[in-house]
Structures are given as structure tokens and as C-alpha cells.
Amino acid sequence: MDRYRIIPDESYYHTIFCNADHLRVCSDDFRFKDWSARGSHPKTLGIEDIPQLENTTAHFARKFDTDVDSAVLDVLDKRTC
């Protein structure tokens, strides 16, 4: 047990892969995040962000909050199915 690390399971593979000379690691996490609010967390995405989400090459997006805007997820579900 490693009690001195916050997230040892998540850092284990990254440490091995990033230190292997024969592997190439891509630094793109394929996630759409909007940091325009300049806070400690990305902006909560809403229905007004649909055009940006449609024009990105990202495979994932964050962050969503159904208490703030659940309609954005309904729209995305209809467009991807």
C-alpha cells in the first residue's frame, strides 16, 4: 500500500509508458474542455456550446452537469445515435 500518493493506480501506467524509450506517447487526451472561465475547473458545457462540440475532433467532452443544463446531453444523444 502506498499511502504517500494521491492516485497511485492512475499514475502507474503513465509512469511506465512515458519512461519507455521505444514507445511514443501522444499528449492529446481527445477531450473537449473549455477553460475560457479561467477558473480551477473547465466551464460547464451547455446547449450554447453545441456548435463548438460539433466542430471539434475530440472524442470526449467535459464537463456536463444535468442540474445546470440537461438539454445539451439530450441533443448530443440524438445527434450521435
PDB file of N, CA and C in Angstrom:
ATOM      1  N   MET A   1       0.846  -1.185   0.000  1.00  0.00           N
ATOM      2  CA  MET A   1       0.000   0.000   0.000  1.00  0.00           C
ATOM      3  C   MET A   1       0.884   1.238   0.000  1.00  0.00           C
ATOM      4  N   ASP A   2       0.564   2.139  -0.890  1.00  0.00           N
ATOM      5  CA  ASP A   2       1.335   3.368  -0.992  1.00  0.00           C
ATOM      6  C   ASP A   2       0.491   4.525  -0.478  1.00  0.00           C
ATOM      7  N   ARG A   3       0.710   4.899   0.729  1.00  0.00           N
ATOM      8  CA  ARG A   3      -0.121   5.951   1.335  1.00  0.00           C
ATOM      9  C   ARG A   3       0.386   7.360   1.065  1.00  0.00           C
ATOM     10  N   TYR A   4       1.480   7.468   0.319  1.00  0.00           N
ATOM     11  CA  TYR A   4       2.044   8.784   0.044  1.00  0.00           C
ATOM     12  C   TYR A   4       1.656   9.323  -1.324  1.00  0.00           C
ATOM     13  N   ARG A   5       0.926   8.566  -2.065  1.00  0.00           N
ATOM     14  CA  ARG A   5       0.453   9.026  -3.374  1.00  0.00           C
ATOM     15  C   ARG A   5      -1.046   9.222  -3.333  1.00  0.00           C
ATOM     16  N   ILE A   6      -1.489  10.221  -4.070  1.00  0.00           N
ATOM     17  CA  ILE A   6      -2.920  10.508  -4.103  1.00  0.00           C
ATOM     18  C   ILE A   6      -3.652   9.502  -4.982  1.00  0.00           C
ATOM     19  N   ILE A   7      -3.110   9.223  -6.182  1.00  0.00           N
ATOM     20  CA  ILE A   7      -3.780   8.337  -7.129  1.00  0.00           C
ATOM     21  C   ILE A   7      -2.754   7.353  -7.708  1.00  0.00           C
ATOM     22  N   PRO A   8      -2.263   6.409  -6.947  1.00  0.00           N
ATOM     23  CA  PRO A   8      -1.219   5.522  -7.468  1.00  0.00           C
ATOM     24  C   PRO A   8      -1.665   4.664  -8.644  1.00  0.00           C
ATOM     25  N   ASP A   9      -2.902   4.186  -8.656  1.00  0.00           N
ATOM     26  CA  ASP A   9      -3.367   3.337  -9.754  1.00  0.00           C
ATOM     27  C   ASP A   9      -3.357   4.084 -11.079  1.00  0.00           C
ATOM     28  N   GLU A  10      -3.737   5.329 -11.053  1.00  0.00           N
ATOM     29  CA  GLU A  10      -3.798   6.106 -12.289  1.00  0.00           C
ATOM     30  C   GLU A  10      -2.420   6.559 -12.752  1.00  0.00           C
ATOM     31  N   SER A  11      -1.478   6.674 -11.872  1.00  0.00           N
ATOM     32  CA  SER A  11      -0.147   7.129 -12.272  1.00  0.00           C
ATOM     33  C   SER A  11       0.781   5.987 -12.656  1.00  0.00           C
ATOM     34  N   TYR A  12       0.455   4.775 -12.299  1.00  0.00           N
ATOM     35  CA  TYR A  12       1.330   3.623 -12.540  1.00  0.00           C
ATOM     36  C   TYR A  12       1.614   3.426 -14.033  1.00  0.00           C
ATOM     37  N   TYR A  13       0.579   3.272 -14.832  1.00  0.00           N
ATOM     38  CA  TYR A  13       0.771   3.011 -16.261  1.00  0.00           C
ATOM     39  C   TYR A  13       1.379   4.208 -16.975  1.00  0.00           C
ATOM     40  N   HIS A  14       0.978   5.403 -16.599  1.00  0.00           N
ATOM     41  CA  HIS A  14       1.541   6.591 -17.224  1.00  0.00           C
ATOM     42  C   HIS A  14       3.046   6.655 -16.988  1.00  0.00           C
ATOM     43  N   THR A  15       3.463   6.309 -15.809  1.00  0.00           N
ATOM     44  CA  THR A  15       4.888   6.326 -15.486  1.00  0.00           C
ATOM     45  C   THR A  15       5.650   5.332 -16.354  1.00  0.00           C
ATOM     46  N   ILE A  16       5.128   4.147 -16.505  1.00  0.00           N
ATOM     47  CA  ILE A  16       5.798   3.126 -17.328  1.00  0.00           C
ATOM     48  C   ILE A  16       5.828   3.545 -18.791  1.00  0.00           C
ATOM     49  N   PHE A  17       4.686   3.939 -19.326  1.00  0.00           N
ATOM     50  CA  PHE A  17       4.620   4.288 -20.746  1.00  0.00           C
ATOM     51  C   PHE A  17       5.464   5.504 -21.089  1.00  0.00           C
ATOM     52  N   CYS A  18       5.411   6.508 -20.259  1.00  0.00           N
ATOM     53  CA  CYS A  18       6.144   7.740 -20.564  1.00  0.00           C
ATOM     54  C   CYS A  18       7.654   7.580 -20.398  1.00  0.00           C
ATOM     55  N   ASN A  19       8.087   6.574 -19.679  1.00  0.00           N
ATOM     56  CA  ASN A  19       9.520   6.350 -19.494  1.00  0.00           C
ATOM     57  C   ASN A  19      10.081   5.258 -20.399  1.00  0.00           C
ATOM     58  N   ALA A  20       9.254   4.666 -21.228  1.00  0.00           N
ATOM     59  CA  ALA A  20       9.720   3.630 -22.160  1.00  0.00           C
ATOM     60  C   ALA A  20      10.266   4.298 -23.420  1.00  0.00           C
ATOM     61  N   ASP A  21      11.526   4.081 -23.705  1.00  0.00           N
ATOM     62  CA  ASP A  21      12.175   4.719 -24.854  1.00  0.00           C
ATOM     63  C   ASP A  21      11.587   4.284 -26.191  1.00  0.00           C
ATOM     64  N   HIS A  22      11.081   3.077 -26.283  1.00  0.00           N
ATOM     65  CA  HIS A  22      10.589   2.549 -27.557  1.00  0.00           C
ATOM     66  C   HIS A  22       9.113   2.867 -27.823  1.00  0.00           C
ATOM     67  N   LEU A  23       8.461   3.597 -26.920  1.00  0.00           N
ATOM     68  CA  LEU A  23       7.059   3.969 -27.109  1.00  0.00           C
ATOM     69  C   LEU A  23       6.921   5.456 -27.382  1.00  0.00           C
ATOM     70  N   ARG A  24       5.965   5.773 -28.222  1.00  0.00           N
ATOM     71  CA  ARG A  24       5.618   7.170 -28.463  1.00  0.00           C
ATOM     72  C   ARG A  24       4.292   7.432 -27.780  1.00  0.00           C
ATOM     73  N   VAL A  25       4.232   8.407 -26.921  1.00  0.00           N
ATOM     74  CA  VAL A  25       3.020   8.723 -26.180  1.00  0.00           C
ATOM     75  C   VAL A  25       2.456  10.037 -26.699  1.00  0.00           C
ATOM     76  N   CYS A  26       1.196  10.017 -27.048  1.00  0.00           N
ATOM     77  CA  CYS A  26       0.507  11.212 -27.536  1.00  0.00           C
ATOM     78  C   CYS A  26       0.010  12.017 -26.339  1.00  0.00           C
ATOM     79  N   SER A  27       0.263  13.295 -26.337  1.00  0.00           N
ATOM     80  CA  SER A  27      -0.160  14.122 -25.203  1.00  0.00           C
ATOM     81  C   SER A  27      -1.600  14.628 -25.336  1.00  0.00           C
ATOM     82  N   ASP A  28      -2.251  14.330 -26.440  1.00  0.00           N
ATOM     83  CA  ASP A  28      -3.635  14.742 -26.630  1.00  0.00           C
ATOM     84  C   ASP A  28      -4.561  13.740 -25.940  1.00  0.00           C
ATOM     85  N   ASP A  29      -5.425  14.220 -25.059  1.00  0.00           N
ATOM     86  CA  ASP A  29      -6.333  13.312 -24.358  1.00  0.00           C
ATOM     87  C   ASP A  29      -7.678  13.163 -25.074  1.00  0.00           C
ATOM     88  N   PHE A  30      -7.812  13.783 -26.252  1.00  0.00           N
ATOM     89  CA  PHE A  30      -9.007  13.678 -27.093  1.00  0.00           C
ATOM     90  C   PHE A  30     -10.277  14.123 -26.373  1.00  0.00           C
ATOM     91  N   ARG A  31     -10.128  15.085 -25.459  1.00  0.00           N
ATOM     92  CA  ARG A  31     -11.270  15.612 -24.715  1.00  0.00           C
ATOM     93  C   ARG A  31     -11.446  17.093 -25.029  1.00  0.00           C
ATOM     94  N   PHE A  32     -12.692  17.481 -25.249  1.00  0.00           N
ATOM     95  CA  PHE A  32     -13.015  18.893 -25.414  1.00  0.00           C
ATOM     96  C   PHE A  32     -13.256  19.481 -24.035  1.00  0.00           C
ATOM     97  N   LYS A  33     -12.495  20.523 -23.702  1.00  0.00           N
ATOM     98  CA  LYS A  33     -12.664  21.232 -22.432  1.00  0.00           C
ATOM     99  C   LYS A  33     -12.605  22.720 -22.733  1.00  0.00           C
ATOM    100  N   ASP A  34     -13.458  23.487 -22.104  1.00  0.00           N
ATOM    101  CA  ASP A  34     -13.492  24.930 -22.294  1.00  0.00           C
ATOM    102  C   ASP A  34     -12.971  25.599 -21.022  1.00  0.00           C
ATOM    103  N   TRP A  35     -11.756  26.124 -21.110  1.00  0.00           N
ATOM    104  CA  TRP A  35     -11.129  26.781 -19.957  1.00  0.00           C
ATOM    105  C   TRP A  35     -11.284  28.303 -20.033  1.00  0.00           C
ATOM    106  N   SER A  36     -12.234  28.792 -20.815  1.00  0.00           N
ATOM    107  CA  SER A  36     -12.377  30.242 -21.002  1.00  0.00           C
ATOM    108  C   SER A  36     -12.733  30.984 -19.713  1.00  0.00           C
ATOM    109  N   ALA A  37     -13.293  30.303 -18.747  1.00  0.00           N
ATOM    110  CA  ALA A  37     -13.658  30.957 -17.482  1.00  0.00           C
ATOM    111  C   ALA A  37     -12.437  31.245 -16.621  1.00  0.00           C
ATOM    112  N   ARG A  38     -11.309  30.661 -16.982  1.00  0.00           N
ATOM    113  CA  ARG A  38     -10.040  30.876 -16.267  1.00  0.00           C
ATOM    114  C   ARG A  38     -10.100  30.483 -14.795  1.00  0.00           C
ATOM    115  N   GLY A  39     -10.920  29.511 -14.473  1.00  0.00           N
ATOM    116  CA  GLY A  39     -11.035  29.048 -13.099  1.00  0.00           C
ATOM    117  C   GLY A  39     -10.221  27.789 -12.873  1.00  0.00           C
ATOM    118  N   SER A  40     -10.465  27.142 -11.774  1.00  0.00           N
ATOM    119  CA  SER A  40      -9.734  25.917 -11.459  1.00  0.00           C
ATOM    120  C   SER A  40     -10.389  24.691 -12.091  1.00  0.00           C
ATOM    121  N   HIS A  41     -11.548  24.873 -12.716  1.00  0.00           N
ATOM    122  CA  HIS A  41     -12.255  23.789 -13.390  1.00  0.00           C
ATOM    123  C   HIS A  41     -12.701  24.284 -14.763  1.00  0.00           C
ATOM    124  N   PRO A  42     -12.867  23.377 -15.730  1.00  0.00           N
ATOM    125  CA  PRO A  42     -13.387  23.816 -17.023  1.00  0.00           C
ATOM    126  C   PRO A  42     -14.841  24.278 -16.901  1.00  0.00           C
ATOM    127  N   LYS A  43     -15.252  25.056 -17.863  1.00  0.00           N
ATOM    128  CA  LYS A  43     -16.625  25.561 -17.907  1.00  0.00           C
ATOM    129  C   LYS A  43     -17.601  24.390 -18.019  1.00  0.00           C
ATOM    130  N   THR A  44     -18.730  24.496 -17.349  1.00  0.00           N
ATOM    131  CA  THR A  44     -19.801  23.517 -17.508  1.00  0.00           C
ATOM    132  C   THR A  44     -20.459  23.771 -18.857  1.00  0.00           C
ATOM    133  N   LEU A  45     -20.456  22.763 -19.713  1.00  0.00           N
ATOM    134  CA  LEU A  45     -20.959  22.919 -21.069  1.00  0.00           C
ATOM    135  C   LEU A  45     -22.477  22.898 -21.097  1.00  0.00           C
ATOM    136  N   GLY A  46     -23.030  23.720 -21.975  1.00  0.00           N
ATOM    137  CA  GLY A  46     -24.470  23.809 -22.105  1.00  0.00           C
ATOM    138  C   GLY A  46     -24.887  23.785 -23.560  1.00  0.00           C
ATOM    139  N   ILE A  47     -26.145  24.014 -23.790  1.00  0.00           N
ATOM    140  CA  ILE A  47     -26.713  23.958 -25.132  1.00  0.00           C
ATOM    141  C   ILE A  47     -26.039  24.965 -26.076  1.00  0.00           C
ATOM    142  N   GLU A  48     -25.576  26.073 -25.546  1.00  0.00           N
ATOM    143  CA  GLU A  48     -24.908  27.092 -26.370  1.00  0.00           C
ATOM    144  C   GLU A  48     -23.539  26.626 -26.875  1.00  0.00           C
ATOM    145  N   ASP A  49     -23.021  25.549 -26.324  1.00  0.00           N
ATOM    146  CA  ASP A  49     -21.715  25.031 -26.721  1.00  0.00           C
ATOM    147  C   ASP A  49     -21.799  23.955 -27.805  1.00  0.00           C
ATOM    148  N   ILE A  50     -23.004  23.622 -28.253  1.00  0.00           N
ATOM    149  CA  ILE A  50     -23.196  22.593 -29.284  1.00  0.00           C
ATOM    150  C   ILE A  50     -22.376  22.875 -30.546  1.00  0.00           C
ATOM    151  N   PRO A  51     -22.365  24.097 -31.087  1.00  0.00           N
ATOM    152  CA  PRO A  51     -21.552  24.334 -32.292  1.00  0.00           C
ATOM    153  C   PRO A  51     -20.068  24.017 -32.093  1.00  0.00           C
ATOM    154  N   GLN A  52     -19.514  24.375 -30.966  1.00  0.00           N
ATOM    155  CA  GLN A  52     -18.114  24.064 -30.689  1.00  0.00           C
ATOM    156  C   GLN A  52     -17.898  22.558 -30.565  1.00  0.00           C
ATOM    157  N   LEU A  53     -18.824  21.877 -29.916  1.00  0.00           N
ATOM    158  CA  LEU A  53     -18.709  20.429 -29.743  1.00  0.00           C
ATOM    159  C   LEU A  53     -18.783  19.701 -31.086  1.00  0.00           C
ATOM    160  N   GLU A  54     -19.598  20.210 -31.993  1.00  0.00           N
ATOM    161  CA  GLU A  54     -19.735  19.580 -33.312  1.00  0.00           C
ATOM    162  C   GLU A  54     -18.503  19.797 -34.191  1.00  0.00           C
ATOM    163  N   ASN A  55     -17.781  20.863 -33.946  1.00  0.00           N
ATOM    164  CA  ASN A  55     -16.635  21.196 -34.788  1.00  0.00           C
ATOM    165  C   ASN A  55     -15.297  20.740 -34.223  1.00  0.00           C
ATOM    166  N   THR A  56     -15.315  19.993 -33.163  1.00  0.00           N
ATOM    167  CA  THR A  56     -14.070  19.521 -32.580  1.00  0.00           C
ATOM    168  C   THR A  56     -13.747  18.117 -33.066  1.00  0.00           C
ATOM    169  N   THR A  57     -12.490  17.754 -33.014  1.00  0.00           N
ATOM    170  CA  THR A  57     -12.080  16.386 -33.351  1.00  0.00           C
ATOM    171  C   THR A  57     -11.966  15.527 -32.093  1.00  0.00           C
ATOM    172  N   ALA A  58     -12.333  16.085 -30.957  1.00  0.00           N
ATOM    173  CA  ALA A  58     -12.256  15.356 -29.688  1.00  0.00           C
ATOM    174  C   ALA A  58     -13.278  14.226 -29.654  1.00  0.00           C
ATOM    175  N   HIS A  59     -12.925  13.157 -28.975  1.00  0.00           N
ATOM    176  CA  HIS A  59     -13.815  12.009 -28.824  1.00  0.00           C
ATOM    177  C   HIS A  59     -14.683  12.116 -27.579  1.00  0.00           C
ATOM    178  N   PHE A  60     -14.251  12.928 -26.633  1.00  0.00           N
ATOM    179  CA  PHE A  60     -14.939  13.084 -25.355  1.00  0.00           C
ATOM    180  C   PHE A  60     -15.052  14.562 -25.033  1.00  0.00           C
ATOM    181  N   ALA A  61     -15.922  14.899 -24.094  1.00  0.00           N
ATOM    182  CA  ALA A  61     -16.049  16.286 -23.655  1.00  0.00           C
ATOM    183  C   ALA A  61     -16.303  16.303 -22.156  1.00  0.00           C
ATOM    184  N   ARG A  62     -15.893  17.395 -21.534  1.00  0.00           N
ATOM    185  CA  ARG A  62     -16.202  17.611 -20.130  1.00  0.00           C
ATOM    186  C   ARG A  62     -16.246  19.091 -19.893  1.00  0.00           C
ATOM    187  N   LYS A  63     -17.010  19.556 -19.102  1.00  0.00           N
ATOM    188  CA  LYS A  63     -17.777  18.888 -18.094  1.00  0.00           C
ATOM    189  C   LYS A  63     -19.241  19.228 -18.276  1.00  0.00           C
ATOM    190  N   PHE A  64     -20.082  18.301 -17.929  1.00  0.00           N
ATOM    191  CA  PHE A  64     -21.525  18.466 -18.039  1.00  0.00           C
ATOM    192  C   PHE A  64     -22.138  18.356 -16.646  1.00  0.00           C
ATOM    193  N   ASP A  65     -23.255  19.050 -16.457  1.00  0.00           N
ATOM    194  CA  ASP A  65     -23.975  18.977 -15.184  1.00  0.00           C
ATOM    195  C   ASP A  65     -25.467  19.011 -15.503  1.00  0.00           C
ATOM    196  N   THR A  66     -26.153  17.925 -15.232  1.00  0.00           N
ATOM    197  CA  THR A  66     -27.574  17.850 -15.557  1.00  0.00           C
ATOM    198  C   THR A  66     -28.405  18.827 -14.738  1.00  0.00           C
ATOM    199  N   ASP A  67     -27.915  19.260 -13.598  1.00  0.00           N
ATOM    200  CA  ASP A  67     -28.635  20.264 -12.811  1.00  0.00           C
ATOM    201  C   ASP A  67     -28.528  21.652 -13.438  1.00  0.00           C
ATOM    202  N   VAL A  68     -27.476  21.881 -14.203  1.00  0.00           N
ATOM    203  CA  VAL A  68     -27.276  23.177 -14.858  1.00  0.00           C
ATOM    204  C   VAL A  68     -27.953  23.194 -16.228  1.00  0.00           C
ATOM    205  N   ASP A  69     -27.709  22.155 -17.053  1.00  0.00           N
ATOM    206  CA  ASP A  69     -28.277  22.094 -18.403  1.00  0.00           C
ATOM    207  C   ASP A  69     -28.297  20.644 -18.871  1.00  0.00           C
ATOM    208  N   SER A  70     -29.427  19.992 -18.735  1.00  0.00           N
ATOM    209  CA  SER A  70     -29.533  18.599 -19.173  1.00  0.00           C
ATOM    210  C   SER A  70     -29.867  18.493 -20.655  1.00  0.00           C
ATOM    211  N   ALA A  71     -30.340  19.569 -21.247  1.00  0.00           N
ATOM    212  CA  ALA A  71     -30.738  19.544 -22.655  1.00  0.00           C
ATOM    213  C   ALA A  71     -29.553  19.289 -23.579  1.00  0.00           C
ATOM    214  N   VAL A  72     -28.387  19.754 -23.214  1.00  0.00           N
ATOM    215  CA  VAL A  72     -27.215  19.561 -24.067  1.00  0.00           C
ATOM    216  C   VAL A  72     -26.924  18.074 -24.249  1.00  0.00           C
ATOM    217  N   LEU A  73     -27.097  17.289 -23.233  1.00  0.00           N
ATOM    218  CA  LEU A  73     -26.851  15.851 -23.351  1.00  0.00           C
ATOM    219  C   LEU A  73     -27.924  15.173 -24.204  1.00  0.00           C
ATOM    220  N   ASP A  74     -29.159  15.645 -24.104  1.00  0.00           N
ATOM    221  CA  ASP A  74     -30.229  15.103 -24.949  1.00  0.00           C
ATOM    222  C   ASP A  74     -29.945  15.382 -26.419  1.00  0.00           C
ATOM    223  N   VAL A  75     -29.501  16.584 -26.723  1.00  0.00           N
ATOM    224  CA  VAL A  75     -29.186  16.959 -28.101  1.00  0.00           C
ATOM    225  C   VAL A  75     -28.030  16.118 -28.622  1.00  0.00           C
ATOM    226  N   LEU A  76     -26.985  15.958 -27.815  1.00  0.00           N
ATOM    227  CA  LEU A  76     -25.829  15.156 -28.237  1.00  0.00           C
ATOM    228  C   LEU A  76     -26.211  13.699 -28.430  1.00  0.00           C
ATOM    229  N   ASP A  77     -27.049  13.167 -27.586  1.00  0.00           N
ATOM    230  CA  ASP A  77     -27.501  11.781 -27.726  1.00  0.00           C
ATOM    231  C   ASP A  77     -28.244  11.579 -29.043  1.00  0.00           C
ATOM    232  N   LYS A  78     -29.083  12.515 -29.420  1.00  0.00           N
ATOM    233  CA  LYS A  78     -29.846  12.387 -30.660  1.00  0.00           C
ATOM    234  C   LYS A  78     -28.965  12.500 -31.882  1.00  0.00           C
ATOM    235  N   ARG A  79     -27.921  13.304 -31.799  1.00  0.00           N
ATOM    236  CA  ARG A  79     -27.067  13.521 -32.962  1.00  0.00           C
ATOM    237  C   ARG A  79     -26.023  12.428 -33.167  1.00  0.00           C
ATOM    238  N   THR A  80     -25.721  11.658 -32.158  1.00  0.00           N
ATOM    239  CA  THR A  80     -24.697  10.630 -32.300  1.00  0.00           C
ATOM    240  C   THR A  80     -25.282   9.247 -32.504  1.00  0.00           C
ATOM    241  N   CYS A  81     -26.563   9.087 -32.335  1.00  0.00           N
ATOM    242  CA  CYS A  81     -27.167   7.755 -32.493  1.00  0.00           C
ATOM    243  C   CYS A  81     -27.724   7.574 -33.880  1.00  0.00           C
TER     244      CYS A  81
END
